[in-house]
Protein backbone atom coordinates (compact mmCIF):
# COMPACT_ATOMS: atom_id res chain seq x y z
CA ASP A 1 0.00 0.00 0.00
CA VAL A 2 2.29 2.75 -1.31
CA PRO A 3 0.66 6.22 -1.11
CA ALA A 4 2.14 7.35 -4.45
CA TRP A 5 0.73 4.27 -6.16
CA ARG A 6 -2.61 4.66 -4.41
CA MET A 7 -2.96 8.11 -6.00
CA ILE A 8 -2.53 6.83 -9.57
CA ARG A 9 -3.77 3.25 -9.39
CA HIS A 10 -6.97 4.10 -11.29
CA SER A 11 -5.34 6.38 -13.88
CA VAL A 12 -4.13 5.56 -17.39
CA THR A 13 -1.29 7.24 -19.29
CA ILE A 14 -2.33 8.02 -22.86
CA VAL A 15 0.47 10.27 -24.10
CA ARG A 16 4.21 10.63 -23.60
CA GLY A 17 6.62 13.47 -24.40
CA CYS A 18 5.86 17.17 -24.87
CA SER A 19 6.36 19.54 -27.78
CA GLY A 20 5.73 22.68 -25.70
CA ASN A 21 9.41 23.22 -24.82
CA CYS A 22 8.74 25.46 -21.80
CA SER A 23 12.00 26.95 -20.53
CA PHE A 24 11.66 25.56 -17.00
CA CYS A 25 10.43 22.06 -17.86
CA ALA A 26 12.56 18.92 -18.18
CA ILE A 27 9.89 16.68 -19.71
CA ALA A 28 11.21 17.19 -23.24
CA ARG A 29 14.65 16.16 -21.95
CA HIS A 30 13.67 12.85 -20.35
CA GLN A 31 10.55 11.92 -22.35
CA GLY A 32 11.47 13.64 -25.58
CA PRO A 33 10.11 16.61 -27.58
CA VAL A 34 8.11 14.34 -29.89
CA VAL A 35 4.63 13.46 -28.67
CA THR A 36 3.84 9.73 -28.68
CA SER A 37 0.17 8.82 -28.36
CA ARG A 38 -1.00 5.33 -27.46
CA SER A 39 -3.52 3.65 -29.72
CA PRO A 40 -7.16 3.79 -28.61
CA ALA A 41 -7.24 -0.02 -28.48
CA SER A 42 -4.28 -0.10 -26.09
CA ILE A 43 -5.80 2.55 -23.83
CA LEU A 44 -9.25 0.96 -23.76
CA GLY A 45 -7.66 -2.39 -22.96
CA GLU A 46 -5.91 -0.93 -19.94
CA VAL A 47 -9.05 0.88 -18.78
CA GLU A 48 -10.86 -2.46 -18.87
CA LYS A 49 -8.10 -4.03 -16.76
CA VAL A 50 -8.23 -1.20 -14.22
CA ALA A 51 -12.03 -1.43 -14.04
CA GLY A 52 -11.75 -5.15 -13.36
CA ARG A 53 -9.39 -4.86 -10.41
CA PRO A 54 -10.59 -5.49 -6.86
CA GLY A 55 -11.38 -2.24 -5.12
CA PHE A 56 -12.17 -0.25 -8.28
CA ASP A 57 -14.80 2.32 -7.30
CA GLY A 58 -16.08 3.12 -10.79
CA THR A 59 -13.92 6.19 -11.35
CA ILE A 60 -10.99 6.43 -13.75
CA SER A 61 -9.13 9.26 -12.05
CA ASP A 62 -7.15 10.39 -15.11
CA LEU A 63 -6.64 9.75 -18.79
CA GLY A 64 -3.60 11.89 -19.24
CA GLY A 65 0.13 12.42 -19.33
CA PRO A 66 2.55 15.36 -19.27
CA THR A 67 0.01 17.39 -21.28
CA ALA A 68 -3.23 15.51 -21.74
CA ASN A 69 -4.61 17.36 -24.76
CA LEU A 70 -1.47 16.84 -26.81
CA TYR A 71 -2.95 13.38 -27.34
CA GLY A 72 -3.33 12.66 -31.03
CA THR A 73 -1.26 15.64 -32.18
CA SER A 74 1.34 15.16 -34.88
CA CYS A 75 3.58 17.13 -37.24
CA VAL A 76 2.66 17.39 -40.92
CA SER A 77 5.77 19.33 -41.92
CA PRO A 78 7.11 18.18 -45.29
CA GLY A 79 10.63 17.95 -43.88
CA PRO A 80 12.39 17.27 -40.57
CA CYS A 81 11.79 19.85 -37.84
CA ARG A 82 14.73 21.26 -35.91
CA ARG A 83 12.78 23.72 -33.74
CA ARG A 84 10.62 21.39 -31.65
CA ASP A 85 8.57 24.44 -30.67
CA CYS A 86 5.01 23.54 -31.57
CA LEU A 87 3.29 26.07 -29.28
CA PHE A 88 5.56 29.12 -29.10
CA PRO A 89 5.16 31.97 -29.93
CA GLY A 90 1.91 30.52 -31.30
CA ILE A 91 0.62 27.17 -32.48
CA CYS A 92 2.78 25.97 -35.37
CA ARG A 93 0.97 25.76 -38.71
CA HIS A 94 2.39 22.26 -39.14
CA LEU A 95 0.86 20.93 -35.90
CA ARG A 96 -2.05 18.62 -36.64
CA ILE A 97 -4.67 18.50 -33.87
CA ASP A 98 -7.00 15.50 -33.90
CA GLU A 99 -9.99 16.63 -31.85
CA ASP A 100 -12.17 13.75 -33.08
CA LEU A 101 -9.67 11.14 -31.86
CA PHE A 102 -9.60 12.43 -28.30
CA CYS A 103 -13.38 12.94 -28.14
CA SER A 104 -13.96 9.43 -29.46
CA LEU A 105 -11.51 7.98 -26.93
CA LEU A 106 -13.27 9.69 -24.03
CA GLU A 107 -16.67 8.50 -25.22
CA SER A 108 -15.50 4.91 -25.73
CA ALA A 109 -13.67 4.69 -22.40
CA SER A 110 -16.65 6.15 -20.54
CA SER A 111 -18.97 3.49 -21.92
CA LEU A 112 -16.87 0.51 -20.80
CA PRO A 113 -18.45 -1.85 -18.22
CA GLY A 114 -17.81 -0.78 -14.66
CA VAL A 115 -16.78 2.81 -15.53
CA ARG A 116 -19.18 5.33 -14.00
CA HIS A 117 -16.93 8.40 -14.10
CA LEU A 118 -13.90 9.18 -16.23
CA PHE A 119 -11.80 12.27 -15.59
CA VAL A 120 -8.92 14.08 -17.26
CA SER A 121 -6.95 15.32 -14.26
CA SER A 122 -3.64 16.06 -15.99
CA GLY A 123 -2.77 19.60 -17.01
CA MET A 124 -3.83 20.84 -20.47
CA ARG A 125 -2.65 23.56 -22.81
CA MET A 126 -5.20 26.34 -23.07
CA GLU A 127 -4.26 27.48 -26.57
CA LEU A 128 -5.00 23.98 -27.87
CA LEU A 129 -8.34 23.82 -26.04
CA LEU A 130 -9.33 27.08 -27.74
CA ARG A 131 -8.80 25.30 -31.06
CA THR A 132 -10.93 22.30 -29.98
CA PRO A 133 -14.28 23.68 -28.74
CA ARG A 134 -16.09 20.32 -28.85
CA LEU A 135 -13.39 18.71 -26.73
CA LEU A 136 -13.44 21.64 -24.30
CA GLU A 137 -17.19 21.34 -23.89
CA ARG A 138 -16.98 17.60 -23.34
CA LEU A 139 -14.25 18.03 -20.74
CA ILE A 140 -16.23 20.67 -18.85
CA LEU A 141 -19.49 18.73 -18.88
CA HIS A 142 -18.27 15.18 -18.30
CA HIS A 143 -14.58 14.79 -17.50
CA THR A 144 -13.49 17.47 -15.02
CA PRO A 145 -13.01 16.23 -11.43
CA GLY A 146 -14.22 19.35 -9.66
CA THR A 147 -11.50 21.63 -11.00
CA MET A 148 -9.77 21.92 -14.36
CA LYS A 149 -5.98 22.09 -14.17
CA ILE A 150 -4.38 24.78 -16.30
CA ALA A 151 -0.85 26.13 -16.33
CA PRO A 152 -0.63 29.82 -17.20
CA GLU A 153 2.57 29.98 -15.03
CA HIS A 154 2.50 33.81 -15.10
CA THR A 155 0.58 36.82 -16.43
CA GLU A 156 3.36 39.27 -17.34
CA PRO A 157 4.38 39.31 -21.05
CA ARG A 158 8.10 39.67 -20.37
CA ILE A 159 8.18 36.73 -17.97
CA LEU A 160 5.99 34.57 -20.20
CA LYS A 161 8.38 35.14 -23.09
CA LEU A 162 11.32 34.02 -20.93
CA MET A 163 9.28 30.98 -19.91
CA HIS A 164 8.54 30.20 -23.56
CA LYS A 165 4.83 30.40 -22.82
CA SER A 166 1.88 31.86 -24.69
CA ALA A 167 0.90 35.54 -24.54
CA PRO A 168 -1.34 36.71 -21.63
CA ARG A 169 -4.42 36.94 -23.86
CA VAL A 170 -4.54 33.12 -24.12
CA LEU A 171 -5.49 32.89 -20.44
CA THR A 172 -8.23 35.52 -20.65
CA ASP A 173 -9.62 34.11 -23.91
CA PHE A 174 -9.64 30.58 -22.49
CA LEU A 175 -11.38 31.55 -19.26
CA ALA A 176 -14.02 33.46 -21.21
CA ALA A 177 -14.65 30.51 -23.55
CA ALA A 178 -14.79 27.93 -20.75
CA ARG A 179 -17.06 30.02 -18.55
CA LYS A 180 -19.36 30.71 -21.50
CA ILE A 181 -19.76 26.97 -22.13
CA ALA A 182 -20.33 26.28 -18.44
CA GLY A 183 -22.87 29.09 -18.16
CA ARG A 184 -24.76 27.92 -21.22
CA LYS A 185 -25.00 24.41 -19.75
CA ARG A 186 -25.71 25.71 -16.23
CA LYS A 187 -22.66 23.99 -14.83
CA THR A 188 -20.15 25.35 -12.33
CA ILE A 189 -16.55 25.30 -13.54
CA ARG A 190 -13.56 25.93 -11.30
CA PHE A 191 -9.91 26.17 -12.26
CA SER A 192 -6.70 25.12 -10.57
CA PRO A 193 -3.97 27.29 -12.15
CA TYR A 194 -0.27 26.69 -11.66
CA PHE A 195 2.01 29.70 -11.16
CA ILE A 196 5.78 29.98 -10.82
CA SER A 197 7.66 32.46 -8.65
CA SER A 198 11.33 33.46 -8.86
CA HIS A 199 11.71 32.37 -12.48
CA PRO A 200 14.79 34.00 -14.08
CA GLY A 201 13.82 37.54 -15.03
CA CYS A 202 11.02 37.74 -12.45
CA ARG A 203 10.98 40.31 -9.65
CA LYS A 204 8.73 40.79 -6.62
CA GLU A 205 6.82 43.50 -8.52
CA ASP A 206 5.98 41.02 -11.29
CA MET A 207 4.49 38.64 -8.73
CA GLY A 208 2.45 41.48 -7.28
CA ARG A 209 0.97 42.25 -10.69
CA LEU A 210 0.29 38.53 -11.19
CA ALA A 211 -1.65 38.45 -7.91
CA GLN A 212 -3.75 41.46 -8.93
CA LYS A 213 -4.59 40.02 -12.35
CA ALA A 214 -5.39 36.57 -10.92
CA ALA A 215 -7.82 38.21 -8.48
CA LYS A 216 -9.54 40.08 -11.32
CA LEU A 217 -9.86 36.83 -13.25
CA ASP A 218 -11.26 35.09 -10.14
CA LEU A 219 -8.43 32.57 -10.10
CA PRO A 220 -7.04 31.02 -6.90
CA THR A 221 -3.30 31.32 -6.29
CA ARG A 222 -2.82 28.30 -4.05
CA GLN A 223 -0.85 26.24 -6.60
CA LEU A 224 2.52 27.97 -6.50
CA GLN A 225 5.88 26.53 -7.46
CA ASP A 226 9.08 28.28 -6.47
CA PHE A 227 11.43 27.97 -9.45
CA THR A 228 14.00 25.23 -8.92
CA PRO A 229 16.99 24.84 -11.29
CA THR A 230 16.66 21.55 -13.14
CA PRO A 231 19.55 20.10 -15.17
CA GLY A 232 19.06 20.36 -18.92
CA THR A 233 16.49 23.17 -18.98
CA LEU A 234 16.83 26.57 -20.63
CA ALA A 235 15.61 28.34 -17.49
CA THR A 236 18.45 26.77 -15.52
CA ALA A 237 20.95 28.10 -18.07
CA MET A 238 19.44 31.57 -17.55
CA TYR A 239 19.58 31.11 -13.78
CA VAL A 240 23.26 30.15 -13.85
CA THR A 241 24.41 32.77 -16.38
CA GLY A 242 22.01 35.59 -15.56
CA LEU A 243 21.44 36.10 -19.30
CA ASP A 244 18.28 36.25 -21.40
CA ARG A 245 18.10 33.11 -23.56
CA ASP A 246 17.22 35.09 -26.71
CA THR A 247 19.05 38.42 -26.41
CA MET A 248 21.99 37.28 -24.25
CA LYS A 249 21.52 40.45 -22.20
CA PRO A 250 21.63 40.40 -18.36
CA ILE A 251 18.37 39.68 -16.53
CA HIS A 252 17.45 39.72 -12.87
CA VAL A 253 17.77 36.39 -11.07
CA ALA A 254 16.35 35.79 -7.59
CA ARG A 255 18.99 33.70 -5.81
CA GLY A 256 18.68 34.47 -2.11
CA ALA A 257 16.12 32.80 0.13
CA GLY A 258 14.86 36.19 1.29
CA GLU A 259 13.89 37.45 -2.15
CA ARG A 260 12.41 34.11 -3.15
CA ARG A 261 10.29 34.16 -0.02
CA ALA A 262 9.22 37.74 -0.82
CA GLN A 263 8.08 36.69 -4.31
CA ARG A 264 5.93 33.93 -2.84
CA LYS A 265 4.47 36.35 -0.31
CA ALA A 266 3.66 38.85 -3.07
CA LEU A 267 1.42 36.27 -4.73
CA GLU A 268 -0.21 35.32 -1.46
CA GLY A 269 -1.05 38.99 -0.94
């Protein structure tokens, strides 16, 4: 009875790797920048096995992976890609998004014997959900376990660029779209956003502005990660050198425990 296993024993991994290439994330380093999606038959077979285990309570806690809604995506570029940046500064025109595949998978898995509830608890990319309105509606109505996990990471354009994340408008557009769907269907939708403090380039003032904007957007700020250097990531290179990854000009880096604590406090208000 291992607690870590207990948390995931009724979940199924459907996708591996990530093509987002966020500056602070090591997933592309240890799982690869190419997204690998399992076949529907393989996933449904595992869901059936999970549903048949003793103690299964009828709920598949997650069909997911590093980024759940990268499932089924692929590159249709005529030649080899050297960038591996499918989502920055915007969605690459060569990225193929298969909304039908994911929707069909969710429908099929939900209808299997013994499955009463099926959730997608892994984080999802908002810019992709804006491109897949039918999937977004299905997730909101049927597959969200109380809260939907999203990862805006920050709200300030300068910091988001250093993070290799989408522009601030993606967050506001996504919240508006999701809340419109929920309102139309008379369903309550809550969000669990992830934010990062002390990322290279970030100051206390940036965290203060983040807190103000999150409050205006009615977003909780409980999920906070203090930036930690991770071998192999671009953000760690910026942390060590104190240089902007694109311009090679000096940027502010919060190194001392006092300033890092102050950045966390700024978000907490």
